[in-house]
N, C-alpha and C. Protein backbone atom coordinates (compact mmCIF):
# COMPACT_ATOMS: atom_id res chain seq x y z
N MET A 1 -31.63 20.30 125.34
CA MET A 1 -31.91 20.47 123.92
C MET A 1 -30.58 20.47 123.16
N THR A 2 -30.52 19.72 122.08
CA THR A 2 -29.29 19.61 121.31
C THR A 2 -29.14 20.80 120.36
N GLU A 3 -27.92 20.96 119.86
CA GLU A 3 -27.66 22.04 118.92
C GLU A 3 -28.48 21.84 117.65
N THR A 4 -28.68 20.60 117.24
CA THR A 4 -29.50 20.31 116.06
C THR A 4 -30.92 20.83 116.25
N ASP A 5 -31.46 20.65 117.46
CA ASP A 5 -32.81 21.16 117.76
C ASP A 5 -32.85 22.68 117.71
N ILE A 6 -31.82 23.30 118.24
CA ILE A 6 -31.76 24.77 118.25
C ILE A 6 -31.64 25.30 116.83
N VAL A 7 -30.81 24.63 116.01
CA VAL A 7 -30.67 25.03 114.60
C VAL A 7 -32.01 24.88 113.90
N ALA A 8 -32.72 23.80 114.17
CA ALA A 8 -34.03 23.58 113.54
C ALA A 8 -34.99 24.70 113.92
N ARG A 9 -34.97 25.10 115.19
CA ARG A 9 -35.84 26.21 115.62
C ARG A 9 -35.44 27.51 114.93
N ALA A 10 -34.13 27.73 114.79
CA ALA A 10 -33.66 28.94 114.11
C ALA A 10 -34.06 28.93 112.64
N LEU A 11 -34.01 27.75 112.03
CA LEU A 11 -34.43 27.62 110.63
C LEU A 11 -35.92 27.94 110.45
N MET A 12 -36.71 27.72 111.50
CA MET A 12 -38.14 28.04 111.44
C MET A 12 -38.38 29.52 111.75
N GLY A 13 -37.29 30.28 111.93
CA GLY A 13 -37.42 31.71 112.14
C GLY A 13 -37.49 32.15 113.59
N GLU A 14 -37.22 31.28 114.51
CA GLU A 14 -37.27 31.63 115.93
C GLU A 14 -36.01 32.41 116.31
N GLU A 15 -36.16 33.69 116.55
CA GLU A 15 -35.02 34.56 116.85
C GLU A 15 -34.32 34.17 118.15
N ALA A 16 -35.06 33.70 119.14
CA ALA A 16 -34.44 33.29 120.41
C ALA A 16 -33.46 32.14 120.17
N ALA A 17 -33.79 31.25 119.26
CA ALA A 17 -32.90 30.14 118.94
C ALA A 17 -31.64 30.66 118.26
N TRP A 18 -31.80 31.61 117.34
CA TRP A 18 -30.64 32.20 116.67
C TRP A 18 -29.74 32.90 117.70
N ARG A 19 -30.32 33.65 118.61
CA ARG A 19 -29.53 34.34 119.64
C ARG A 19 -28.77 33.33 120.51
N GLU A 20 -29.40 32.19 120.76
CA GLU A 20 -28.74 31.14 121.55
C GLU A 20 -27.52 30.59 120.80
N LEU A 21 -27.67 30.39 119.50
CA LEU A 21 -26.54 29.92 118.69
C LEU A 21 -25.42 30.96 118.65
N VAL A 22 -25.79 32.21 118.51
CA VAL A 22 -24.80 33.29 118.49
C VAL A 22 -24.05 33.32 119.82
N ALA A 23 -24.78 33.24 120.93
CA ALA A 23 -24.15 33.27 122.25
C ALA A 23 -23.16 32.11 122.41
N GLU A 24 -23.49 30.98 121.83
CA GLU A 24 -22.64 29.80 121.95
C GLU A 24 -21.36 29.91 121.12
N HIS A 25 -21.42 30.55 119.94
CA HIS A 25 -20.31 30.49 119.00
C HIS A 25 -19.62 31.83 118.73
N GLN A 26 -20.15 32.91 119.19
CA GLN A 26 -19.61 34.22 118.86
C GLN A 26 -18.18 34.41 119.36
N GLN A 27 -17.88 33.94 120.55
CA GLN A 27 -16.54 34.13 121.10
C GLN A 27 -15.48 33.41 120.25
N ALA A 28 -15.74 32.18 119.85
CA ALA A 28 -14.78 31.45 119.02
C ALA A 28 -14.61 32.16 117.67
N MET A 29 -15.70 32.67 117.13
CA MET A 29 -15.63 33.38 115.86
C MET A 29 -14.79 34.65 116.01
N PHE A 30 -15.00 35.38 117.09
CA PHE A 30 -14.22 36.59 117.34
C PHE A 30 -12.74 36.25 117.49
N ARG A 31 -12.45 35.20 118.25
CA ARG A 31 -11.05 34.82 118.46
C ARG A 31 -10.36 34.51 117.15
N LEU A 32 -11.02 33.77 116.26
CA LEU A 32 -10.42 33.46 114.97
C LEU A 32 -10.23 34.73 114.14
N ALA A 33 -11.22 35.58 114.12
CA ALA A 33 -11.10 36.85 113.37
C ALA A 33 -9.97 37.69 113.94
N TYR A 34 -9.84 37.73 115.26
CA TYR A 34 -8.77 38.52 115.87
C TYR A 34 -7.41 37.93 115.52
N LEU A 35 -7.30 36.61 115.56
CA LEU A 35 -6.03 35.98 115.20
C LEU A 35 -5.64 36.30 113.76
N LYS A 36 -6.61 36.35 112.88
CA LYS A 36 -6.32 36.61 111.48
C LYS A 36 -6.08 38.09 111.18
N LEU A 37 -6.75 38.97 111.93
CA LEU A 37 -6.69 40.40 111.63
C LEU A 37 -5.78 41.19 112.57
N GLY A 38 -5.66 40.73 113.80
CA GLY A 38 -4.77 41.40 114.75
C GLY A 38 -5.30 42.69 115.32
N ASP A 39 -6.56 42.97 115.13
CA ASP A 39 -7.16 44.21 115.62
C ASP A 39 -8.55 43.87 116.16
N ALA A 40 -8.81 44.25 117.40
CA ALA A 40 -10.08 43.89 118.05
C ALA A 40 -11.29 44.51 117.34
N ASP A 41 -11.18 45.76 116.94
CA ASP A 41 -12.31 46.41 116.26
C ASP A 41 -12.60 45.75 114.91
N GLU A 42 -11.55 45.47 114.16
CA GLU A 42 -11.72 44.78 112.88
C GLU A 42 -12.30 43.38 113.09
N ALA A 43 -11.82 42.70 114.13
CA ALA A 43 -12.31 41.36 114.42
C ALA A 43 -13.79 41.39 114.80
N GLU A 44 -14.18 42.38 115.58
CA GLU A 44 -15.59 42.51 115.96
C GLU A 44 -16.46 42.76 114.72
N ASP A 45 -15.99 43.64 113.84
CA ASP A 45 -16.73 43.91 112.61
C ASP A 45 -16.82 42.65 111.73
N ALA A 46 -15.72 41.93 111.62
CA ALA A 46 -15.72 40.71 110.81
C ALA A 46 -16.66 39.67 111.41
N THR A 47 -16.67 39.57 112.73
CA THR A 47 -17.55 38.61 113.40
C THR A 47 -19.01 38.97 113.14
N GLN A 48 -19.34 40.24 113.28
CA GLN A 48 -20.72 40.66 113.03
C GLN A 48 -21.14 40.42 111.59
N GLU A 49 -20.22 40.72 110.66
CA GLU A 49 -20.53 40.49 109.25
C GLU A 49 -20.73 38.99 108.99
N ALA A 50 -19.89 38.17 109.58
CA ALA A 50 -20.02 36.72 109.41
C ALA A 50 -21.33 36.20 110.01
N LEU A 51 -21.71 36.73 111.15
CA LEU A 51 -22.98 36.32 111.76
C LEU A 51 -24.17 36.73 110.90
N MET A 52 -24.09 37.90 110.31
CA MET A 52 -25.17 38.33 109.41
C MET A 52 -25.25 37.40 108.20
N ARG A 53 -24.10 37.04 107.65
CA ARG A 53 -24.09 36.12 106.50
C ARG A 53 -24.64 34.76 106.91
N ALA A 54 -24.20 34.29 108.07
CA ALA A 54 -24.67 32.97 108.54
C ALA A 54 -26.19 32.98 108.72
N HIS A 55 -26.70 34.05 109.27
CA HIS A 55 -28.15 34.14 109.48
C HIS A 55 -28.88 34.14 108.13
N ARG A 56 -28.34 34.90 107.20
CA ARG A 56 -28.96 35.00 105.88
C ARG A 56 -28.92 33.65 105.14
N TYR A 57 -27.83 32.89 105.31
CA TYR A 57 -27.67 31.64 104.57
C TYR A 57 -27.87 30.39 105.43
N LEU A 58 -28.50 30.53 106.56
CA LEU A 58 -28.71 29.41 107.46
C LEU A 58 -29.44 28.26 106.77
N ARG A 59 -30.30 28.57 105.84
CA ARG A 59 -31.06 27.53 105.12
C ARG A 59 -30.13 26.62 104.30
N ARG A 60 -28.95 27.12 103.96
CA ARG A 60 -27.98 26.32 103.20
C ARG A 60 -27.18 25.37 104.11
N PHE A 61 -27.25 25.60 105.40
CA PHE A 61 -26.49 24.79 106.35
C PHE A 61 -27.10 23.39 106.46
N ASP A 62 -26.24 22.39 106.49
CA ASP A 62 -26.67 21.00 106.66
C ASP A 62 -26.75 20.71 108.15
N PRO A 63 -27.97 20.63 108.73
CA PRO A 63 -28.10 20.46 110.18
C PRO A 63 -27.57 19.13 110.71
N SER A 64 -27.22 18.20 109.84
CA SER A 64 -26.64 16.95 110.31
C SER A 64 -25.16 17.11 110.65
N ARG A 65 -24.59 18.26 110.31
CA ARG A 65 -23.18 18.54 110.58
C ARG A 65 -23.08 19.51 111.75
N PRO A 66 -21.90 19.59 112.37
CA PRO A 66 -21.73 20.56 113.46
C PRO A 66 -21.73 22.00 112.93
N LEU A 67 -22.32 22.88 113.70
CA LEU A 67 -22.46 24.28 113.28
C LEU A 67 -21.15 25.07 113.41
N ARG A 68 -20.39 24.80 114.47
CA ARG A 68 -19.20 25.60 114.74
C ARG A 68 -18.22 25.67 113.56
N PRO A 69 -17.83 24.55 112.94
CA PRO A 69 -16.92 24.66 111.79
C PRO A 69 -17.50 25.49 110.64
N TRP A 70 -18.80 25.37 110.41
CA TRP A 70 -19.44 26.15 109.34
C TRP A 70 -19.32 27.64 109.65
N LEU A 71 -19.60 28.03 110.90
CA LEU A 71 -19.49 29.44 111.28
C LEU A 71 -18.05 29.92 111.22
N LEU A 72 -17.11 29.09 111.66
CA LEU A 72 -15.70 29.47 111.62
C LEU A 72 -15.21 29.62 110.18
N ALA A 73 -15.72 28.80 109.27
CA ALA A 73 -15.35 28.93 107.86
C ALA A 73 -15.84 30.27 107.32
N ILE A 74 -17.02 30.67 107.71
CA ILE A 74 -17.57 31.96 107.24
C ILE A 74 -16.73 33.11 107.78
N VAL A 75 -16.45 33.11 109.07
CA VAL A 75 -15.68 34.23 109.64
C VAL A 75 -14.25 34.23 109.11
N SER A 76 -13.72 33.06 108.82
CA SER A 76 -12.38 32.98 108.23
C SER A 76 -12.35 33.66 106.87
N ARG A 77 -13.37 33.39 106.05
CA ARG A 77 -13.43 34.02 104.72
C ARG A 77 -13.63 35.53 104.83
N VAL A 78 -14.49 35.96 105.75
CA VAL A 78 -14.73 37.40 105.93
C VAL A 78 -13.43 38.08 106.37
N ALA A 79 -12.73 37.48 107.32
CA ALA A 79 -11.48 38.07 107.81
C ALA A 79 -10.43 38.11 106.70
N ALA A 80 -10.35 37.04 105.92
CA ALA A 80 -9.40 37.02 104.81
C ALA A 80 -9.72 38.11 103.80
N ASN A 81 -11.00 38.31 103.51
CA ASN A 81 -11.40 39.38 102.59
C ASN A 81 -11.01 40.74 103.14
N ARG A 82 -11.22 40.93 104.43
CA ARG A 82 -10.86 42.21 105.05
C ARG A 82 -9.34 42.41 105.01
N ARG A 83 -8.59 41.34 105.25
CA ARG A 83 -7.13 41.44 105.23
C ARG A 83 -6.66 41.78 103.82
N ARG A 84 -7.26 41.14 102.81
CA ARG A 84 -6.88 41.46 101.43
C ARG A 84 -7.23 42.91 101.09
N ALA A 85 -8.40 43.35 101.53
CA ALA A 85 -8.81 44.74 101.26
C ALA A 85 -7.84 45.71 101.93
N ALA A 86 -7.44 45.40 103.15
CA ALA A 86 -6.47 46.26 103.85
C ALA A 86 -5.14 46.25 103.11
N GLY A 87 -4.76 45.09 102.58
CA GLY A 87 -3.52 45.00 101.81
C GLY A 87 -3.58 45.83 100.54
N ARG A 88 -4.74 45.81 99.87
CA ARG A 88 -4.90 46.63 98.67
C ARG A 88 -4.84 48.12 99.02
N TYR A 89 -5.47 48.47 100.14
CA TYR A 89 -5.44 49.85 100.60
C TYR A 89 -4.00 50.28 100.88
N TRP A 90 -3.27 49.43 101.58
CA TRP A 90 -1.89 49.73 101.94
C TRP A 90 -1.04 49.86 100.68
N ALA A 91 -1.22 48.97 99.71
CA ALA A 91 -0.46 49.03 98.46
C ALA A 91 -0.76 50.33 97.71
N ALA A 92 -2.03 50.73 97.68
CA ALA A 92 -2.40 51.98 97.01
C ALA A 92 -1.78 53.17 97.73
N LEU A 93 -1.78 53.14 99.04
CA LEU A 93 -1.17 54.22 99.82
C LEU A 93 0.33 54.29 99.55
N GLN A 94 0.99 53.15 99.48
CA GLN A 94 2.42 53.14 99.19
C GLN A 94 2.71 53.69 97.80
N ARG A 95 1.87 53.33 96.81
CA ARG A 95 2.06 53.89 95.47
C ARG A 95 1.89 55.40 95.48
N TRP A 96 0.89 55.86 96.22
CA TRP A 96 0.64 57.30 96.31
C TRP A 96 1.84 58.01 96.94
N LEU A 97 2.37 57.42 98.00
CA LEU A 97 3.54 58.00 98.66
C LEU A 97 4.76 57.98 97.74
N ALA A 98 4.93 56.90 97.00
CA ALA A 98 6.07 56.79 96.09
C ALA A 98 5.99 57.85 94.99
N GLU A 99 4.78 58.11 94.52
CA GLU A 99 4.61 59.14 93.49
C GLU A 99 5.05 60.50 94.00
N ARG A 100 4.94 60.72 95.25
CA ARG A 100 5.33 62.00 95.85
C ARG A 100 6.72 61.94 96.44
N GLU A 101 7.45 60.90 96.08
CA GLU A 101 8.84 60.70 96.48
C GLU A 101 9.03 60.70 97.99
N VAL A 102 8.05 60.20 98.68
CA VAL A 102 8.19 60.00 100.11
C VAL A 102 8.55 58.54 100.30
N ARG A 103 9.69 58.30 100.84
CA ARG A 103 10.15 56.93 100.99
C ARG A 103 9.96 56.46 102.43
N GLN A 104 9.36 55.29 102.54
CA GLN A 104 9.22 54.66 103.85
C GLN A 104 10.21 53.51 103.88
N THR A 105 10.94 53.40 104.96
CA THR A 105 11.85 52.25 105.09
C THR A 105 11.22 51.27 106.05
N PRO A 106 10.88 50.10 105.55
CA PRO A 106 10.25 49.11 106.43
C PRO A 106 11.23 48.65 107.51
N SER A 107 10.71 48.43 108.65
CA SER A 107 11.50 47.99 109.78
C SER A 107 11.22 46.53 110.06
N ARG A 108 12.25 45.77 110.25
CA ARG A 108 12.10 44.33 110.53
C ARG A 108 12.37 44.09 112.02
N GLN A 109 12.34 45.16 112.80
CA GLN A 109 12.60 45.00 114.22
C GLN A 109 11.42 44.33 114.90
N ARG A 110 11.74 43.53 115.88
CA ARG A 110 10.70 42.88 116.66
C ARG A 110 10.06 43.87 117.61
N GLU A 111 8.75 43.73 117.76
CA GLU A 111 8.03 44.65 118.64
C GLU A 111 8.27 44.33 120.11
N ALA A 112 8.42 43.06 120.42
CA ALA A 112 8.61 42.66 121.80
C ALA A 112 9.32 41.31 121.82
N PRO A 113 9.98 41.01 122.91
CA PRO A 113 10.63 39.70 122.98
C PRO A 113 9.60 38.59 122.98
N LEU A 114 10.03 37.44 122.54
CA LEU A 114 9.14 36.29 122.45
C LEU A 114 9.08 35.58 123.80
N ASP A 115 8.47 36.21 124.76
CA ASP A 115 8.41 35.59 126.07
C ASP A 115 6.99 35.24 126.48
N ASP A 116 6.05 35.35 125.56
CA ASP A 116 4.67 35.05 125.90
C ASP A 116 3.91 34.60 124.66
N GLU A 117 2.64 34.27 124.84
CA GLU A 117 1.81 33.81 123.73
C GLU A 117 1.68 34.86 122.64
N ARG A 118 1.62 36.13 123.04
CA ARG A 118 1.47 37.20 122.05
C ARG A 118 2.69 37.27 121.14
N GLY A 119 3.86 37.05 121.71
CA GLY A 119 5.07 37.03 120.90
C GLY A 119 5.04 35.89 119.89
N LEU A 120 4.60 34.72 120.31
CA LEU A 120 4.49 33.59 119.40
C LEU A 120 3.45 33.87 118.33
N TRP A 121 2.35 34.51 118.71
CA TRP A 121 1.31 34.87 117.74
C TRP A 121 1.90 35.79 116.67
N ARG A 122 2.77 36.72 117.06
CA ARG A 122 3.39 37.62 116.07
C ARG A 122 4.24 36.83 115.07
N VAL A 123 4.90 35.80 115.57
CA VAL A 123 5.70 34.96 114.67
C VAL A 123 4.79 34.17 113.74
N VAL A 124 3.70 33.62 114.27
CA VAL A 124 2.75 32.87 113.43
C VAL A 124 2.22 33.77 112.33
N GLN A 125 2.02 35.05 112.62
CA GLN A 125 1.50 35.98 111.61
C GLN A 125 2.46 36.16 110.43
N GLN A 126 3.72 35.78 110.60
CA GLN A 126 4.69 35.89 109.52
C GLN A 126 4.58 34.72 108.53
N LEU A 127 3.85 33.69 108.90
CA LEU A 127 3.66 32.53 108.02
C LEU A 127 2.63 32.85 106.94
N ALA A 128 2.59 32.01 105.93
CA ALA A 128 1.58 32.14 104.87
C ALA A 128 0.19 31.93 105.48
N ALA A 129 -0.82 32.51 104.86
CA ALA A 129 -2.19 32.45 105.37
C ALA A 129 -2.66 31.01 105.56
N ILE A 130 -2.31 30.12 104.66
CA ILE A 130 -2.76 28.73 104.77
C ILE A 130 -2.19 28.07 106.03
N ASP A 131 -0.94 28.42 106.36
CA ASP A 131 -0.32 27.89 107.58
C ASP A 131 -0.94 28.53 108.82
N GLN A 132 -1.19 29.82 108.77
CA GLN A 132 -1.82 30.50 109.90
C GLN A 132 -3.19 29.88 110.19
N ASP A 133 -3.98 29.66 109.15
CA ASP A 133 -5.34 29.14 109.34
C ASP A 133 -5.34 27.82 110.10
N VAL A 134 -4.49 26.89 109.67
CA VAL A 134 -4.49 25.58 110.31
C VAL A 134 -3.96 25.67 111.74
N ILE A 135 -2.97 26.52 111.97
CA ILE A 135 -2.45 26.69 113.34
C ILE A 135 -3.50 27.34 114.23
N TYR A 136 -4.17 28.35 113.74
CA TYR A 136 -5.21 29.01 114.54
C TYR A 136 -6.32 28.03 114.92
N LEU A 137 -6.80 27.28 113.95
CA LEU A 137 -7.91 26.37 114.22
C LEU A 137 -7.51 25.23 115.14
N ARG A 138 -6.36 24.62 114.88
CA ARG A 138 -5.96 23.45 115.65
C ARG A 138 -5.41 23.80 117.03
N TYR A 139 -4.59 24.85 117.12
CA TYR A 139 -3.85 25.09 118.35
C TYR A 139 -4.34 26.29 119.16
N TYR A 140 -4.86 27.32 118.52
CA TYR A 140 -5.38 28.45 119.27
C TYR A 140 -6.83 28.22 119.66
N LEU A 141 -7.63 27.67 118.73
CA LEU A 141 -9.04 27.42 119.03
C LEU A 141 -9.28 25.98 119.48
N ASP A 142 -8.25 25.15 119.43
CA ASP A 142 -8.29 23.78 119.93
C ASP A 142 -9.37 22.94 119.26
N LEU A 143 -9.54 23.10 117.95
CA LEU A 143 -10.48 22.29 117.21
C LEU A 143 -9.87 20.92 116.93
N SER A 144 -10.71 19.92 116.86
CA SER A 144 -10.25 18.59 116.48
C SER A 144 -9.87 18.62 115.00
N VAL A 145 -9.20 17.55 114.55
CA VAL A 145 -8.85 17.45 113.14
C VAL A 145 -10.11 17.49 112.28
N ALA A 146 -11.15 16.78 112.73
CA ALA A 146 -12.41 16.74 111.98
C ALA A 146 -13.06 18.13 111.89
N GLU A 147 -13.08 18.85 113.01
CA GLU A 147 -13.68 20.19 113.01
C GLU A 147 -12.88 21.15 112.15
N ALA A 148 -11.55 21.07 112.23
CA ALA A 148 -10.70 21.94 111.41
C ALA A 148 -10.90 21.62 109.93
N ALA A 149 -11.02 20.34 109.61
CA ALA A 149 -11.25 19.94 108.21
C ALA A 149 -12.56 20.53 107.71
N GLU A 150 -13.58 20.46 108.54
CA GLU A 150 -14.89 21.02 108.17
C GLU A 150 -14.79 22.53 107.96
N ALA A 151 -14.11 23.22 108.87
CA ALA A 151 -13.98 24.68 108.77
C ALA A 151 -13.18 25.09 107.55
N LEU A 152 -12.16 24.31 107.21
CA LEU A 152 -11.31 24.64 106.06
C LEU A 152 -11.86 24.09 104.74
N GLY A 153 -12.83 23.18 104.84
CA GLY A 153 -13.39 22.59 103.63
C GLY A 153 -12.43 21.62 102.95
N VAL A 154 -11.65 20.91 103.75
CA VAL A 154 -10.68 19.95 103.22
C VAL A 154 -10.82 18.62 103.95
N ALA A 155 -10.12 17.60 103.48
CA ALA A 155 -10.14 16.30 104.13
C ALA A 155 -9.32 16.33 105.42
N GLU A 156 -9.62 15.41 106.32
CA GLU A 156 -8.90 15.34 107.59
C GLU A 156 -7.41 15.10 107.38
N GLY A 157 -7.06 14.26 106.41
CA GLY A 157 -5.65 14.01 106.11
C GLY A 157 -4.93 15.28 105.67
N THR A 158 -5.66 16.13 104.95
CA THR A 158 -5.08 17.40 104.52
C THR A 158 -4.79 18.29 105.72
N VAL A 159 -5.69 18.30 106.69
CA VAL A 159 -5.45 19.08 107.91
C VAL A 159 -4.21 18.57 108.62
N LYS A 160 -4.07 17.26 108.70
CA LYS A 160 -2.90 16.68 109.37
C LYS A 160 -1.61 17.07 108.66
N SER A 161 -1.60 16.96 107.33
CA SER A 161 -0.38 17.30 106.60
C SER A 161 -0.11 18.80 106.64
N ARG A 162 -1.15 19.61 106.52
CA ARG A 162 -0.95 21.07 106.61
C ARG A 162 -0.45 21.46 108.00
N SER A 163 -0.99 20.82 109.02
CA SER A 163 -0.54 21.11 110.39
C SER A 163 0.94 20.79 110.54
N SER A 164 1.33 19.64 110.05
CA SER A 164 2.72 19.23 110.15
C SER A 164 3.64 20.20 109.42
N ARG A 165 3.28 20.56 108.19
CA ARG A 165 4.10 21.49 107.41
C ARG A 165 4.12 22.88 108.05
N ALA A 166 2.98 23.33 108.54
CA ALA A 166 2.92 24.65 109.17
C ALA A 166 3.79 24.70 110.41
N LEU A 167 3.76 23.65 111.20
CA LEU A 167 4.60 23.61 112.40
C LEU A 167 6.08 23.54 112.04
N GLU A 168 6.42 22.85 110.96
CA GLU A 168 7.81 22.82 110.50
C GLU A 168 8.25 24.22 110.07
N ARG A 169 7.40 24.91 109.33
CA ARG A 169 7.75 26.27 108.89
C ARG A 169 7.88 27.21 110.08
N LEU A 170 6.98 27.05 111.06
CA LEU A 170 7.07 27.86 112.27
C LEU A 170 8.38 27.58 112.99
N GLN A 171 8.76 26.31 113.10
CA GLN A 171 10.02 25.96 113.74
C GLN A 171 11.20 26.56 112.99
N ASP A 172 11.17 26.49 111.66
CA ASP A 172 12.25 27.07 110.85
C ASP A 172 12.34 28.57 111.09
N LEU A 173 11.21 29.24 111.14
CA LEU A 173 11.19 30.69 111.38
C LEU A 173 11.75 31.02 112.76
N LEU A 174 11.35 30.24 113.74
CA LEU A 174 11.86 30.46 115.09
C LEU A 174 13.37 30.21 115.14
N ASP A 175 13.82 29.15 114.49
CA ASP A 175 15.25 28.84 114.48
C ASP A 175 16.07 29.94 113.83
N SER A 176 15.55 30.49 112.71
CA SER A 176 16.33 31.48 111.97
C SER A 176 16.22 32.89 112.55
N ASP A 177 15.04 33.30 112.95
CA ASP A 177 14.85 34.69 113.38
C ASP A 177 14.85 34.89 114.89
N TYR A 178 14.59 33.84 115.63
CA TYR A 178 14.48 33.96 117.09
C TYR A 178 15.22 32.82 117.79
N PRO A 179 16.50 32.62 117.48
CA PRO A 179 17.20 31.46 118.08
C PRO A 179 17.29 31.56 119.60
N GLU A 180 17.27 32.76 120.11
CA GLU A 180 17.36 32.92 121.57
C GLU A 180 16.10 32.43 122.30
N TRP A 181 15.02 32.27 121.54
CA TRP A 181 13.75 31.85 122.15
C TRP A 181 13.65 30.34 122.22
N ILE A 182 14.40 29.65 121.40
CA ILE A 182 14.36 28.20 121.38
C ILE A 182 15.13 27.69 122.58
N LYS A 183 14.46 26.91 123.38
CA LYS A 183 15.07 26.35 124.58
C LYS A 183 15.58 24.96 124.26
N GLU A 184 16.78 24.69 124.65
CA GLU A 184 17.40 23.38 124.42
C GLU A 184 16.80 22.36 125.33
């Protein structure tokens, strides 16, 4: 049975079909949310929220298109909203602390050496969100250019150019902040 058939069954209200779709795509959705949020609990919550939204708006989905990019676009937006909300919370907390003359000195120290994928992920997190998104979709989740374009809601050429620019910025960051990690 094709994914299109399963989506059609889910559209008719068959819960078993919806569960099958969730089982197929939930891990990729969680991985993207985790990459964007950096916290497993937050990523799980974002994934569940995205799945609830997808279920609620499944009728808006075009079954002639692949489902995975649509689901990844939803979880990407949910994770971005959560990240913005956390940023607003953090900013409010900093203002509150400043009012009480408690000064925090931010540390730019690296948490761990860049000797593994997690270290590289920490560096990617220092890039702008637009660069992170394209790197996560293309290189961490191994989506094709077409799938990444669908998930980001942009043209394939835009994904190619964003990927190129994001990788250049990543290289610049590695060169400037982590020269010892660059192997000749």
